[in-house]
Protein backbone atom coordinates (compact mmCIF):
# COMPACT_ATOMS: atom_id res chain seq x y z
CA UNK A 1 9.63 -93.34 35.08
CA UNK A 2 5.85 -93.23 34.57
CA UNK A 3 5.54 -90.16 36.26
CA UNK A 4 8.32 -88.15 33.78
CA UNK A 5 6.54 -90.13 30.91
CA UNK A 6 3.09 -88.53 31.82
CA UNK A 7 4.99 -85.27 31.98
CA UNK A 8 6.19 -85.80 28.66
CA UNK A 9 2.79 -85.64 27.33
CA UNK A 10 1.16 -83.41 29.84
CA UNK A 11 3.78 -81.28 27.19
CA UNK A 12 3.36 -82.71 24.22
CA UNK A 13 -0.32 -82.10 24.57
CA UNK A 14 0.19 -78.69 25.59
CA UNK A 15 2.49 -77.79 22.96
CA UNK A 16 -0.01 -79.10 20.31
CA UNK A 17 -2.60 -76.83 22.08
CA UNK A 18 0.17 -73.89 22.11
CA UNK A 19 1.10 -74.97 18.14
CA UNK A 20 -3.16 -74.89 16.41
CA UNK A 21 -4.64 -71.90 18.56
CA UNK A 22 -1.50 -69.47 16.97
CA UNK A 23 -2.09 -70.74 13.67
CA UNK A 24 -5.92 -70.23 13.74
CA UNK A 25 -4.76 -66.45 15.62
CA UNK A 26 -2.68 -65.41 12.20
CA UNK A 27 -5.89 -65.88 10.35
CA UNK A 28 -8.19 -64.59 12.87
CA UNK A 29 -6.86 -61.41 12.94
CA UNK A 30 -5.76 -60.82 9.52
CA UNK A 31 -6.17 -57.38 7.34
CA UNK A 32 -7.38 -57.39 3.92
CA UNK A 33 -5.44 -55.15 1.38
CA UNK A 34 -7.84 -52.03 1.95
CA UNK A 35 -10.07 -51.51 -1.58
CA UNK A 36 -8.11 -48.69 -3.91
CA UNK A 37 -4.96 -48.13 -5.54
CA UNK A 38 -1.57 -48.65 -4.37
CA UNK A 39 -0.72 -45.36 -2.40
CA UNK A 40 -3.25 -45.76 0.26
CA UNK A 41 -5.99 -43.47 -1.42
CA UNK A 42 -9.37 -44.19 -1.32
CA UNK A 43 -11.43 -43.78 -4.42
CA UNK A 44 -15.11 -42.45 -4.17
CA UNK A 45 -17.55 -45.47 -4.79
CA UNK A 46 -20.40 -43.88 -7.23
CA UNK A 47 -24.17 -43.86 -4.77
CA UNK A 48 -26.31 -47.36 -5.53
CA UNK A 49 -29.75 -46.57 -7.59
CA UNK A 50 -32.72 -47.37 -6.03
CA UNK A 51 -33.48 -50.41 -5.89
CA UNK A 52 -37.22 -51.02 -5.08
CA UNK A 53 -37.20 -53.01 -1.28
CA UNK A 54 -38.55 -57.30 -1.86
CA UNK A 55 -39.98 -59.12 0.58
CA UNK A 56 -38.91 -63.09 0.78
CA UNK A 57 -39.75 -65.98 2.58
CA UNK A 58 -37.71 -68.43 3.48
CA UNK A 59 -38.97 -71.76 4.00
CA UNK A 60 -37.35 -74.36 6.38
CA UNK A 61 -37.51 -78.47 4.88
CA UNK A 62 -34.84 -79.60 7.26
CA UNK A 63 -33.18 -79.62 10.48
CA UNK A 64 -33.39 -82.05 13.12
CA UNK A 65 -36.96 -83.08 14.62
CA UNK A 66 -36.96 -82.07 18.68
CA UNK A 67 -37.80 -86.34 19.59
CA UNK A 68 -34.51 -87.01 17.91
CA UNK A 69 -32.40 -83.70 19.94
CA UNK A 70 -33.88 -85.31 22.81
CA UNK A 71 -32.79 -88.83 21.96
CA UNK A 72 -29.85 -87.79 20.94
CA UNK A 73 -28.91 -85.82 24.88
CA UNK A 74 -30.82 -89.23 26.71
CA UNK A 75 -27.90 -91.44 24.37
CA UNK A 76 -25.10 -89.49 25.40
CA UNK A 77 -26.14 -88.99 29.41
CA UNK A 78 -26.12 -92.62 29.48
CA UNK A 79 -23.15 -93.53 27.29
CA UNK A 80 -21.98 -90.61 29.51
CA UNK A 81 -22.57 -92.66 33.05
CA UNK A 82 -21.93 -96.29 31.07
CA UNK A 83 -18.19 -94.73 30.55
CA UNK A 84 -17.99 -93.00 34.16
CA UNK A 85 -19.51 -96.71 36.10
CA UNK A 86 -16.66 -98.67 34.26
CA UNK A 87 -14.06 -96.35 35.07
CA UNK A 88 -14.94 -96.38 38.42
CA UNK A 89 -14.79 -99.82 38.62
CA UNK A 90 -11.48 -100.14 37.19
CA UNK A 91 -10.04 -97.52 39.58
CA UNK A 92 -11.23 -99.16 42.61
CA UNK A 93 -9.82 -102.78 41.18
CA UNK A 94 -6.84 -100.95 41.05
CA UNK A 95 -6.30 -100.14 44.57
CA UNK A 96 -4.28 -101.34 46.93
CA UNK A 97 -5.74 -102.98 50.13
CA UNK A 98 -3.26 -102.10 53.27
CA UNK A 99 -3.33 -104.40 56.22
CA UNK A 100 -5.57 -103.51 59.58
CA UNK A 101 -3.29 -103.61 62.23
CA UNK A 102 -5.44 -105.34 65.30
C-alpha cells in the first residue's frame, strides 16, 4: 500500500511540474504581432534625427556587502549539514537489526 501511495505522489509531482513548464513555455515562445497594416505590409520607418551622444554615469548606492553574502552562504552550509546529520540519525534509528546466527 505504501509503495502505491509513493508512486501516486511521484506521478502527481511530475504532472504538476510538466503542467507548469507547458504553461510557461507557451508564454515564452509567443511571437508578438508584427508592426504595420493587417495585410502584412510594413510601412517605411523614418530615420531618427541625429542626437548628440551623452555619457551617463551609474551610481551604485545599494547592494549587499560581501561579508553578508559570506555569512548567508556559511549559514546555509551549516543548516544543510545539520539537516543531513538529523536525517542520517533518523534513518539509522529506523533500520532493523537482524540477529546474528552464531
